[in-house]
Structures are given as structure tokens and as C-alpha cells.
């Protein structure tokens, strides 16, 4: 929750996301929360791994230089949300197959 509030502050006047829609930011933060939590757990609770992932996602702003900032926010929201859904599905599938082996 605190992480979301810190990032939503980027929408204040004079900040990098000033004037951008807040809805894609919320979806982006939810997707990133799922992914960063997954990296943290799968990486043996490594803060370094999650920090590297955060830095990598911040780099995408540079890579997406050819589109408007508004398009970037929506694109990142779609990508991170889709990736989060895939991680959840894959994790459940792996848990299900592990349970079958135990049973």
C-alpha cells in the first residue's frame, strides 16, 4: 500500500507523470507488485533481485522513447498485468503438479 502511494505521488504537479491518467498506473503497480513479490519469493527473499527487476522496468521508459508518455503508461500497464497473470497461472500449475507427485 505504501509503495503505491509513493508511486502515485509521481502524478503530482511538476512530477514526471503530471497529467497522465492514474488508472493505468494502478494496473501497472498491481502487476509489478505481483511480479516483484514472485521474484522475492522465488529468489530466496533476495532484495537485490527485486531491486534489479525494478531498475530494469524503469529502463523501459528509455526504450519506449518513440511513443508518447500516455501510450507508455498504458503499454506498461498491459505488459506488467499480462506478465503477472502468466506468473500466477504458471505458479498454480507448478503447485498442482507438485501436489499430484506427492499424492
C-alpha atoms as a PDB file:
ATOM      1  CA  UNK A   1       0.000   0.000   0.000  1.00  0.00           C
ATOM      2  CA  UNK A   2       2.779   2.422   0.915  1.00  0.00           C
ATOM      3  CA  UNK A   3       4.598   1.525  -2.308  1.00  0.00           C
ATOM      4  CA  UNK A   4       1.503   2.513  -4.300  1.00  0.00           C
ATOM      5  CA  UNK A   5       1.168   5.833  -2.504  1.00  0.00           C
ATOM      6  CA  UNK A   6       4.816   6.669  -3.141  1.00  0.00           C
ATOM      7  CA  UNK A   7       4.454   5.942  -6.849  1.00  0.00           C
ATOM      8  CA  UNK A   8       1.122   7.734  -7.170  1.00  0.00           C
ATOM      9  CA  UNK A   9       2.902  10.851  -5.883  1.00  0.00           C
ATOM     10  CA  UNK A  10       4.586  10.917  -9.297  1.00  0.00           C
ATOM     11  CA  UNK A  11       1.261  12.292 -10.613  1.00  0.00           C
ATOM     12  CA  UNK A  12       1.524  15.496  -8.580  1.00  0.00           C
ATOM     13  CA  UNK A  13       2.049  18.774 -10.471  1.00  0.00           C
ATOM     14  CA  UNK A  14       5.596  19.144 -11.728  1.00  0.00           C
ATOM     15  CA  UNK A  15       6.369  15.435 -11.295  1.00  0.00           C
ATOM     16  CA  UNK A  16       7.190  13.041 -14.203  1.00  0.00           C
ATOM     17  CA  UNK A  17       3.630  11.652 -14.548  1.00  0.00           C
ATOM     18  CA  UNK A  18       1.854  15.001 -14.139  1.00  0.00           C
ATOM     19  CA  UNK A  19      -1.257  14.996 -16.330  1.00  0.00           C
ATOM     20  CA  UNK A  20      -1.159  11.289 -17.130  1.00  0.00           C
ATOM     21  CA  UNK A  21      -4.170   9.091 -16.365  1.00  0.00           C
ATOM     22  CA  UNK A  22      -3.994   7.358 -12.981  1.00  0.00           C
ATOM     23  CA  UNK A  23      -5.858   4.185 -13.985  1.00  0.00           C
ATOM     24  CA  UNK A  24      -3.004   2.601 -15.955  1.00  0.00           C
ATOM     25  CA  UNK A  25      -0.619   3.466 -13.135  1.00  0.00           C
ATOM     26  CA  UNK A  26      -2.799   1.481 -10.722  1.00  0.00           C
ATOM     27  CA  UNK A  27      -2.825  -1.536 -13.083  1.00  0.00           C
ATOM     28  CA  UNK A  28       0.910  -1.186 -13.611  1.00  0.00           C
ATOM     29  CA  UNK A  29       1.554  -1.117  -9.854  1.00  0.00           C
ATOM     30  CA  UNK A  30      -0.659  -4.146  -9.230  1.00  0.00           C
ATOM     31  CA  UNK A  31       1.116  -6.121 -11.951  1.00  0.00           C
ATOM     32  CA  UNK A  32       4.524  -5.060 -10.699  1.00  0.00           C
ATOM     33  CA  UNK A  33       3.569  -5.916  -7.108  1.00  0.00           C
ATOM     34  CA  UNK A  34       2.723  -9.470  -8.155  1.00  0.00           C
ATOM     35  CA  UNK A  35       5.931  -9.822 -10.171  1.00  0.00           C
ATOM     36  CA  UNK A  36       8.221  -8.302  -7.557  1.00  0.00           C
ATOM     37  CA  UNK A  37       6.660 -10.495  -4.862  1.00  0.00           C
ATOM     38  CA  UNK A  38       7.179 -13.551  -7.078  1.00  0.00           C
ATOM     39  CA  UNK A  39      10.829 -12.585  -7.722  1.00  0.00           C
ATOM     40  CA  UNK A  40      11.329 -12.020  -3.985  1.00  0.00           C
ATOM     41  CA  UNK A  41       9.923 -15.428  -3.025  1.00  0.00           C
ATOM     42  CA  UNK A  42      11.472 -17.411  -5.902  1.00  0.00           C
ATOM     43  CA  UNK A  43      14.803 -15.615  -5.456  1.00  0.00           C
ATOM     44  CA  UNK A  44      15.175 -16.759  -1.865  1.00  0.00           C
ATOM     45  CA  UNK A  45      13.881 -13.455  -0.464  1.00  0.00           C
ATOM     46  CA  UNK A  46      16.593 -11.528  -2.299  1.00  0.00           C
ATOM     47  CA  UNK A  47      16.132  -7.765  -2.158  1.00  0.00           C
ATOM     48  CA  UNK A  48      18.959  -7.436  -4.696  1.00  0.00           C
ATOM     49  CA  UNK A  49      16.998  -9.419  -7.299  1.00  0.00           C
ATOM     50  CA  UNK A  50      13.853  -7.360  -6.767  1.00  0.00           C
ATOM     51  CA  UNK A  51      15.872  -4.137  -6.951  1.00  0.00           C
ATOM     52  CA  UNK A  52      17.416  -5.239 -10.244  1.00  0.00           C
ATOM     53  CA  UNK A  53      13.944  -6.001 -11.603  1.00  0.00           C
ATOM     54  CA  UNK A  54      12.709  -2.558 -10.539  1.00  0.00           C
ATOM     55  CA  UNK A  55      15.710  -0.938 -12.248  1.00  0.00           C
ATOM     56  CA  UNK A  56      15.071  -2.966 -15.405  1.00  0.00           C
ATOM     57  CA  UNK A  57      11.427  -1.909 -15.569  1.00  0.00           C
ATOM     58  CA  UNK A  58      12.464   1.713 -15.064  1.00  0.00           C
ATOM     59  CA  UNK A  59      14.759   1.316 -18.086  1.00  0.00           C
ATOM     60  CA  UNK A  60      11.725   0.594 -20.310  1.00  0.00           C
ATOM     61  CA  UNK A  61      10.883   4.310 -20.210  1.00  0.00           C
ATOM     62  CA  UNK A  62      14.061   4.915 -22.222  1.00  0.00           C
ATOM     63  CA  UNK A  63      13.344   2.022 -24.604  1.00  0.00           C
ATOM     64  CA  UNK A  64       9.814   3.328 -25.298  1.00  0.00           C
ATOM     65  CA  UNK A  65      11.111   6.729 -26.398  1.00  0.00           C
ATOM     66  CA  UNK A  66       9.260   6.611 -29.749  1.00  0.00           C
ATOM     67  CA  UNK A  67       5.756   6.770 -28.228  1.00  0.00           C
ATOM     68  CA  UNK A  68       4.000   9.356 -26.088  1.00  0.00           C
ATOM     69  CA  UNK A  69       4.216   9.171 -22.306  1.00  0.00           C
ATOM     70  CA  UNK A  70       0.486   8.411 -22.118  1.00  0.00           C
ATOM     71  CA  UNK A  71       0.934   5.476 -24.510  1.00  0.00           C
ATOM     72  CA  UNK A  72       3.926   4.273 -22.486  1.00  0.00           C
ATOM     73  CA  UNK A  73       1.882   4.164 -19.284  1.00  0.00           C
ATOM     74  CA  UNK A  74      -0.903   2.137 -20.927  1.00  0.00           C
ATOM     75  CA  UNK A  75       1.608  -0.185 -22.631  1.00  0.00           C
ATOM     76  CA  UNK A  76       3.467  -0.830 -19.388  1.00  0.00           C
ATOM     77  CA  UNK A  77       0.181  -1.437 -17.562  1.00  0.00           C
ATOM     78  CA  UNK A  78      -0.817  -4.026 -20.175  1.00  0.00           C
ATOM     79  CA  UNK A  79       2.588  -5.736 -20.223  1.00  0.00           C
ATOM     80  CA  UNK A  80       3.005  -5.946 -16.437  1.00  0.00           C
ATOM     81  CA  UNK A  81      -0.604  -7.036 -15.902  1.00  0.00           C
ATOM     82  CA  UNK A  82      -0.287  -9.767 -18.551  1.00  0.00           C
ATOM     83  CA  UNK A  83       3.041 -10.915 -17.096  1.00  0.00           C
ATOM     84  CA  UNK A  84       1.515 -11.037 -13.602  1.00  0.00           C
ATOM     85  CA  UNK A  85      -1.401 -13.151 -14.842  1.00  0.00           C
ATOM     86  CA  UNK A  86       1.023 -15.539 -16.573  1.00  0.00           C
ATOM     87  CA  UNK A  87       3.145 -15.867 -13.413  1.00  0.00           C
ATOM     88  CA  UNK A  88       0.061 -16.615 -11.301  1.00  0.00           C
ATOM     89  CA  UNK A  89      -1.171 -19.243 -13.793  1.00  0.00           C
ATOM     90  CA  UNK A  90       2.279 -20.843 -14.107  1.00  0.00           C
ATOM     91  CA  UNK A  91       2.760 -20.879 -10.325  1.00  0.00           C
ATOM     92  CA  UNK A  92      -0.599 -22.536  -9.764  1.00  0.00           C
ATOM     93  CA  UNK A  93       0.165 -25.071 -12.470  1.00  0.00           C
ATOM     94  CA  UNK A  94       3.510 -25.903 -10.835  1.00  0.00           C
ATOM     95  CA  UNK A  95       1.842 -26.216  -7.423  1.00  0.00           C
ATOM     96  CA  UNK A  96      -0.797 -28.520  -8.877  1.00  0.00           C
ATOM     97  CA  UNK A  97       1.768 -30.816 -10.497  1.00  0.00           C
ATOM     98  CA  UNK A  98       3.815 -30.883  -7.266  1.00  0.00           C
ATOM     99  CA  UNK A  99       0.705 -31.921  -5.313  1.00  0.00           C
ATOM    100  CA  UNK A 100      -0.014 -34.717  -7.804  1.00  0.00           C
ATOM    101  CA  UNK A 101       3.514 -36.078  -7.340  1.00  0.00           C
ATOM    102  CA  UNK A 102       3.058 -36.063  -3.561  1.00  0.00           C
ATOM    103  CA  UNK A 103      -0.385 -37.676  -3.720  1.00  0.00           C
END
